[in-house]
Amino acid sequence: KDLGVKRDREALSMDIQAAHEKCPLRLKELLQAENFDFLHDVIGIVNHLDRETGELEDYFVPRYASPE
């Protein structure tokens, strides 16, 4: 899917992986999501990820986060 943001694939992959370690994601479902929901989660992760701790800040919870 085209994100419309200028991030290289490796950095984006690392952000998603870091978020997934602290906030497990339903990755297969995310890949099949409607564009709006996909962008909400991916851009939200990019914008709210603390890259030192891997935590998502500002109370952001991806729509495709696994239920606890």
PDB file of N, CA and C in Angstrom:
ATOM      1  N   LYS A   1       0.851  -1.189   0.000  1.00  0.00           N
ATOM      2  CA  LYS A   1       0.000   0.000   0.000  1.00  0.00           C
ATOM      3  C   LYS A   1       0.888   1.240   0.000  1.00  0.00           C
ATOM      4  N   ASP A   2       0.462   2.258  -0.690  1.00  0.00           N
ATOM      5  CA  ASP A   2       1.224   3.502  -0.771  1.00  0.00           C
ATOM      6  C   ASP A   2       0.883   4.372   0.423  1.00  0.00           C
ATOM      7  N   LEU A   3       1.876   4.657   1.249  1.00  0.00           N
ATOM      8  CA  LEU A   3       1.632   5.422   2.471  1.00  0.00           C
ATOM      9  C   LEU A   3       1.512   6.912   2.236  1.00  0.00           C
ATOM     10  N   GLY A   4       2.101   7.412   1.145  1.00  0.00           N
ATOM     11  CA  GLY A   4       2.074   8.833   0.921  1.00  0.00           C
ATOM     12  C   GLY A   4       2.979   9.592   1.864  1.00  0.00           C
ATOM     13  N   VAL A   5       3.880   8.914   2.547  1.00  0.00           N
ATOM     14  CA  VAL A   5       4.856   9.566   3.417  1.00  0.00           C
ATOM     15  C   VAL A   5       6.234   9.149   2.967  1.00  0.00           C
ATOM     16  N   LYS A   6       7.201  10.022   3.177  1.00  0.00           N
ATOM     17  CA  LYS A   6       8.568   9.740   2.739  1.00  0.00           C
ATOM     18  C   LYS A   6       9.349   9.096   3.863  1.00  0.00           C
ATOM     19  N   ARG A   7       9.254   7.787   3.967  1.00  0.00           N
ATOM     20  CA  ARG A   7      10.018   7.007   4.934  1.00  0.00           C
ATOM     21  C   ARG A   7      10.552   5.820   4.175  1.00  0.00           C
ATOM     22  N   ASP A   8      11.793   5.479   4.426  1.00  0.00           N
ATOM     23  CA  ASP A   8      12.290   4.306   3.729  1.00  0.00           C
ATOM     24  C   ASP A   8      11.704   3.056   4.355  1.00  0.00           C
ATOM     25  N   ARG A   9      11.666   1.996   3.594  1.00  0.00           N
ATOM     26  CA  ARG A   9      11.014   0.757   4.037  1.00  0.00           C
ATOM     27  C   ARG A   9      11.649   0.175   5.283  1.00  0.00           C
ATOM     28  N   GLU A  10      12.947   0.258   5.383  1.00  0.00           N
ATOM     29  CA  GLU A  10      13.623  -0.315   6.544  1.00  0.00           C
ATOM     30  C   GLU A  10      13.218   0.393   7.833  1.00  0.00           C
ATOM     31  N   ALA A  11      13.198   1.715   7.823  1.00  0.00           N
ATOM     32  CA  ALA A  11      12.812   2.480   9.015  1.00  0.00           C
ATOM     33  C   ALA A  11      11.357   2.191   9.376  1.00  0.00           C
ATOM     34  N   LEU A  12      10.494   2.123   8.386  1.00  0.00           N
ATOM     35  CA  LEU A  12       9.090   1.837   8.632  1.00  0.00           C
ATOM     36  C   LEU A  12       8.926   0.430   9.206  1.00  0.00           C
ATOM     37  N   SER A  13       9.630  -0.514   8.643  1.00  0.00           N
ATOM     38  CA  SER A  13       9.592  -1.890   9.143  1.00  0.00           C
ATOM     39  C   SER A  13      10.067  -1.961  10.591  1.00  0.00           C
ATOM     40  N   MET A  14      11.120  -1.246  10.903  1.00  0.00           N
ATOM     41  CA  MET A  14      11.651  -1.235  12.267  1.00  0.00           C
ATOM     42  C   MET A  14      10.649  -0.609  13.237  1.00  0.00           C
ATOM     43  N   ASP A  15       9.962   0.448  12.829  1.00  0.00           N
ATOM     44  CA  ASP A  15       8.953   1.079  13.686  1.00  0.00           C
ATOM     45  C   ASP A  15       7.812   0.110  13.978  1.00  0.00           C
ATOM     46  N   ILE A  16       7.328  -0.564  12.945  1.00  0.00           N
ATOM     47  CA  ILE A  16       6.215  -1.499  13.128  1.00  0.00           C
ATOM     48  C   ILE A  16       6.648  -2.669  14.003  1.00  0.00           C
ATOM     49  N   GLN A  17       7.842  -3.169  13.780  1.00  0.00           N
ATOM     50  CA  GLN A  17       8.340  -4.276  14.589  1.00  0.00           C
ATOM     51  C   GLN A  17       8.488  -3.862  16.059  1.00  0.00           C
ATOM     52  N   ALA A  18       9.015  -2.678  16.304  1.00  0.00           N
ATOM     53  CA  ALA A  18       9.183  -2.188  17.680  1.00  0.00           C
ATOM     54  C   ALA A  18       7.825  -2.025  18.355  1.00  0.00           C
ATOM     55  N   ALA A  19       6.859  -1.471  17.645  1.00  0.00           N
ATOM     56  CA  ALA A  19       5.521  -1.300  18.208  1.00  0.00           C
ATOM     57  C   ALA A  19       4.895  -2.664  18.493  1.00  0.00           C
ATOM     58  N   HIS A  20       5.089  -3.612  17.586  1.00  0.00           N
ATOM     59  CA  HIS A  20       4.514  -4.961  17.714  1.00  0.00           C
ATOM     60  C   HIS A  20       5.058  -5.691  18.941  1.00  0.00           C
ATOM     61  N   GLU A  21       6.302  -5.426  19.309  1.00  0.00           N
ATOM     62  CA  GLU A  21       6.895  -6.077  20.481  1.00  0.00           C
ATOM     63  C   GLU A  21       6.251  -5.610  21.783  1.00  0.00           C
ATOM     64  N   LYS A  22       5.844  -4.343  21.845  1.00  0.00           N
ATOM     65  CA  LYS A  22       5.238  -3.792  23.071  1.00  0.00           C
ATOM     66  C   LYS A  22       3.712  -3.826  23.031  1.00  0.00           C
ATOM     67  N   CYS A  23       3.164  -3.724  21.837  1.00  0.00           N
ATOM     68  CA  CYS A  23       1.716  -3.706  21.632  1.00  0.00           C
ATOM     69  C   CYS A  23       1.435  -4.669  20.478  1.00  0.00           C
ATOM     70  N   PRO A  24       1.243  -5.959  20.780  1.00  0.00           N
ATOM     71  CA  PRO A  24       1.074  -6.934  19.706  1.00  0.00           C
ATOM     72  C   PRO A  24      -0.015  -6.525  18.712  1.00  0.00           C
ATOM     73  N   LEU A  25       0.321  -6.653  17.443  1.00  0.00           N
ATOM     74  CA  LEU A  25      -0.578  -6.262  16.363  1.00  0.00           C
ATOM     75  C   LEU A  25      -1.077  -7.495  15.614  1.00  0.00           C
ATOM     76  N   ARG A  26      -2.263  -7.393  15.062  1.00  0.00           N
ATOM     77  CA  ARG A  26      -2.788  -8.427  14.177  1.00  0.00           C
ATOM     78  C   ARG A  26      -2.289  -8.086  12.767  1.00  0.00           C
ATOM     79  N   LEU A  27      -1.060  -8.463  12.488  1.00  0.00           N
ATOM     80  CA  LEU A  27      -0.366  -8.008  11.284  1.00  0.00           C
ATOM     81  C   LEU A  27      -1.020  -8.489   9.988  1.00  0.00           C
ATOM     82  N   LYS A  28      -1.464  -9.729   9.941  1.00  0.00           N
ATOM     83  CA  LYS A  28      -2.116 -10.229   8.715  1.00  0.00           C
ATOM     84  C   LYS A  28      -3.379  -9.437   8.416  1.00  0.00           C
ATOM     85  N   GLU A  29      -4.153  -9.145   9.463  1.00  0.00           N
ATOM     86  CA  GLU A  29      -5.368  -8.353   9.275  1.00  0.00           C
ATOM     87  C   GLU A  29      -5.029  -6.913   8.885  1.00  0.00           C
ATOM     88  N   LEU A  30      -3.986  -6.367   9.473  1.00  0.00           N
ATOM     89  CA  LEU A  30      -3.562  -5.006   9.130  1.00  0.00           C
ATOM     90  C   LEU A  30      -3.215  -4.904   7.653  1.00  0.00           C
ATOM     91  N   LEU A  31      -2.524  -5.896   7.127  1.00  0.00           N
ATOM     92  CA  LEU A  31      -2.161  -5.873   5.702  1.00  0.00           C
ATOM     93  C   LEU A  31      -3.370  -5.940   4.784  1.00  0.00           C
ATOM     94  N   GLN A  32      -4.477  -6.482   5.276  1.00  0.00           N
ATOM     95  CA  GLN A  32      -5.693  -6.596   4.470  1.00  0.00           C
ATOM     96  C   GLN A  32      -6.697  -5.490   4.766  1.00  0.00           C
ATOM     97  N   ALA A  33      -6.327  -4.561   5.633  1.00  0.00           N
ATOM     98  CA  ALA A  33      -7.244  -3.503   6.070  1.00  0.00           C
ATOM     99  C   ALA A  33      -7.550  -2.518   4.945  1.00  0.00           C
ATOM    100  N   GLU A  34      -8.679  -1.849   5.090  1.00  0.00           N
ATOM    101  CA  GLU A  34      -9.014  -0.740   4.200  1.00  0.00           C
ATOM    102  C   GLU A  34      -7.923   0.317   4.337  1.00  0.00           C
ATOM    103  N   ASN A  35      -7.701   1.081   3.287  1.00  0.00           N
ATOM    104  CA  ASN A  35      -6.620   2.074   3.283  1.00  0.00           C
ATOM    105  C   ASN A  35      -6.674   3.018   4.480  1.00  0.00           C
ATOM    106  N   PHE A  36      -7.863   3.517   4.835  1.00  0.00           N
ATOM    107  CA  PHE A  36      -7.976   4.477   5.925  1.00  0.00           C
ATOM    108  C   PHE A  36      -7.507   3.868   7.241  1.00  0.00           C
ATOM    109  N   ASP A  37      -7.951   2.645   7.525  1.00  0.00           N
ATOM    110  CA  ASP A  37      -7.560   1.981   8.771  1.00  0.00           C
ATOM    111  C   ASP A  37      -6.076   1.623   8.768  1.00  0.00           C
ATOM    112  N   PHE A  38      -5.577   1.171   7.615  1.00  0.00           N
ATOM    113  CA  PHE A  38      -4.157   0.850   7.482  1.00  0.00           C
ATOM    114  C   PHE A  38      -3.308   2.090   7.753  1.00  0.00           C
ATOM    115  N   LEU A  39      -3.670   3.193   7.113  1.00  0.00           N
ATOM    116  CA  LEU A  39      -2.915   4.436   7.304  1.00  0.00           C
ATOM    117  C   LEU A  39      -3.029   4.947   8.732  1.00  0.00           C
ATOM    118  N   HIS A  40      -4.189   4.827   9.334  1.00  0.00           N
ATOM    119  CA  HIS A  40      -4.363   5.244  10.727  1.00  0.00           C
ATOM    120  C   HIS A  40      -3.336   4.548  11.605  1.00  0.00           C
ATOM    121  N   ASP A  41      -3.220   3.234  11.454  1.00  0.00           N
ATOM    122  CA  ASP A  41      -2.312   2.479  12.315  1.00  0.00           C
ATOM    123  C   ASP A  41      -0.853   2.755  11.987  1.00  0.00           C
ATOM    124  N   VAL A  42      -0.485   2.716  10.720  1.00  0.00           N
ATOM    125  CA  VAL A  42       0.924   2.872  10.350  1.00  0.00           C
ATOM    126  C   VAL A  42       1.416   4.285  10.632  1.00  0.00           C
ATOM    127  N   ILE A  43       0.661   5.278  10.232  1.00  0.00           N
ATOM    128  CA  ILE A  43       1.088   6.659  10.483  1.00  0.00           C
ATOM    129  C   ILE A  43       1.029   6.956  11.981  1.00  0.00           C
ATOM    130  N   GLY A  44       0.043   6.399  12.671  1.00  0.00           N
ATOM    131  CA  GLY A  44      -0.030   6.569  14.118  1.00  0.00           C
ATOM    132  C   GLY A  44       1.187   5.985  14.811  1.00  0.00           C
ATOM    133  N   ILE A  45       1.615   4.808  14.370  1.00  0.00           N
ATOM    134  CA  ILE A  45       2.818   4.194  14.942  1.00  0.00           C
ATOM    135  C   ILE A  45       4.028   5.080  14.678  1.00  0.00           C
ATOM    136  N   VAL A  46       4.191   5.533  13.460  1.00  0.00           N
ATOM    137  CA  VAL A  46       5.332   6.392  13.108  1.00  0.00           C
ATOM    138  C   VAL A  46       5.332   7.659  13.965  1.00  0.00           C
ATOM    139  N   ASN A  47       4.164   8.251  14.155  1.00  0.00           N
ATOM    140  CA  ASN A  47       4.073   9.522  14.876  1.00  0.00           C
ATOM    141  C   ASN A  47       4.126   9.391  16.390  1.00  0.00           C
ATOM    142  N   HIS A  48       3.769   8.228  16.943  1.00  0.00           N
ATOM    143  CA  HIS A  48       3.649   8.087  18.392  1.00  0.00           C
ATOM    144  C   HIS A  48       4.648   7.121  19.016  1.00  0.00           C
ATOM    145  N   LEU A  49       5.516   6.534  18.224  1.00  0.00           N
ATOM    146  CA  LEU A  49       6.471   5.566  18.748  1.00  0.00           C
ATOM    147  C   LEU A  49       7.665   6.265  19.384  1.00  0.00           C
ATOM    148  N   ASP A  50       7.956   5.897  20.625  1.00  0.00           N
ATOM    149  CA  ASP A  50       9.199   6.321  21.261  1.00  0.00           C
ATOM    150  C   ASP A  50      10.244   5.305  20.823  1.00  0.00           C
ATOM    151  N   ARG A  51      11.158   5.711  19.978  1.00  0.00           N
ATOM    152  CA  ARG A  51      12.118   4.783  19.376  1.00  0.00           C
ATOM    153  C   ARG A  51      13.183   4.299  20.362  1.00  0.00           C
ATOM    154  N   GLU A  52      13.251   4.895  21.522  1.00  0.00           N
ATOM    155  CA  GLU A  52      14.185   4.402  22.541  1.00  0.00           C
ATOM    156  C   GLU A  52      13.558   3.294  23.374  1.00  0.00           C
ATOM    157  N   THR A  53      12.264   3.414  23.680  1.00  0.00           N
ATOM    158  CA  THR A  53      11.611   2.428  24.546  1.00  0.00           C
ATOM    159  C   THR A  53      10.726   1.452  23.778  1.00  0.00           C
ATOM    160  N   GLY A  54      10.316   1.826  22.563  1.00  0.00           N
ATOM    161  CA  GLY A  54       9.390   0.999  21.790  1.00  0.00           C
ATOM    162  C   GLY A  54       7.940   1.188  22.195  1.00  0.00           C
ATOM    163  N   GLU A  55       7.688   2.077  23.149  1.00  0.00           N
ATOM    164  CA  GLU A  55       6.322   2.320  23.625  1.00  0.00           C
ATOM    165  C   GLU A  55       5.600   3.295  22.697  1.00  0.00           C
ATOM    166  N   LEU A  56       4.293   3.093  22.572  1.00  0.00           N
ATOM    167  CA  LEU A  56       3.444   4.047  21.862  1.00  0.00           C
ATOM    168  C   LEU A  56       2.979   5.083  22.871  1.00  0.00           C
ATOM    169  N   GLU A  57       3.167   6.355  22.562  1.00  0.00           N
ATOM    170  CA  GLU A  57       2.864   7.442  23.491  1.00  0.00           C
ATOM    171  C   GLU A  57       1.560   8.130  23.131  1.00  0.00           C
ATOM    172  N   ASP A  58       1.179   9.079  23.963  1.00  0.00           N
ATOM    173  CA  ASP A  58       0.000   9.925  23.750  1.00  0.00           C
ATOM    174  C   ASP A  58      -1.281   9.112  23.663  1.00  0.00           C
ATOM    175  N   TYR A  59      -1.316   7.958  24.353  1.00  0.00           N
ATOM    176  CA  TYR A  59      -2.499   7.106  24.416  1.00  0.00           C
ATOM    177  C   TYR A  59      -2.912   6.543  23.054  1.00  0.00           C
ATOM    178  N   PHE A  60      -1.991   6.538  22.100  1.00  0.00           N
ATOM    179  CA  PHE A  60      -2.325   5.967  20.784  1.00  0.00           C
ATOM    180  C   PHE A  60      -2.418   4.449  20.876  1.00  0.00           C
ATOM    181  N   VAL A  61      -3.521   3.914  20.366  1.00  0.00           N
ATOM    182  CA  VAL A  61      -3.710   2.467  20.278  1.00  0.00           C
ATOM    183  C   VAL A  61      -4.103   2.148  18.846  1.00  0.00           C
ATOM    184  N   PRO A  62      -3.298   1.334  18.145  1.00  0.00           N
ATOM    185  CA  PRO A  62      -3.646   0.970  16.776  1.00  0.00           C
ATOM    186  C   PRO A  62      -4.976   0.219  16.719  1.00  0.00           C
ATOM    187  N   ARG A  63      -5.713   0.404  15.660  1.00  0.00           N
ATOM    188  CA  ARG A  63      -6.985  -0.304  15.479  1.00  0.00           C
ATOM    189  C   ARG A  63      -6.763  -1.803  15.378  1.00  0.00           C
ATOM    190  N   TYR A  64      -5.603  -2.202  14.885  1.00  0.00           N
ATOM    191  CA  TYR A  64      -5.309  -3.621  14.722  1.00  0.00           C
ATOM    192  C   TYR A  64      -4.401  -4.149  15.835  1.00  0.00           C
ATOM    193  N   ALA A  65      -4.490  -3.536  16.985  1.00  0.00           N
ATOM    194  CA  ALA A  65      -3.803  -4.082  18.173  1.00  0.00           C
ATOM    195  C   ALA A  65      -4.549  -5.337  18.604  1.00  0.00           C
ATOM    196  N   SER A  66      -3.817  -6.333  19.049  1.00  0.00           N
ATOM    197  CA  SER A  66      -4.453  -7.549  19.548  1.00  0.00           C
ATOM    198  C   SER A  66      -5.176  -7.248  20.843  1.00  0.00           C
ATOM    199  N   PRO A  67      -6.366  -7.841  21.025  1.00  0.00           N
ATOM    200  CA  PRO A  67      -7.049  -7.630  22.304  1.00  0.00           C
ATOM    201  C   PRO A  67      -6.258  -8.263  23.435  1.00  0.00           C
ATOM    202  N   GLU A  68      -6.305  -7.643  24.583  1.00  0.00           N
ATOM    203  CA  GLU A  68      -5.537  -8.158  25.730  1.00  0.00           C
ATOM    204  C   GLU A  68      -6.252  -9.285  26.422  1.00  0.00           C
TER     205      GLU A  68
END
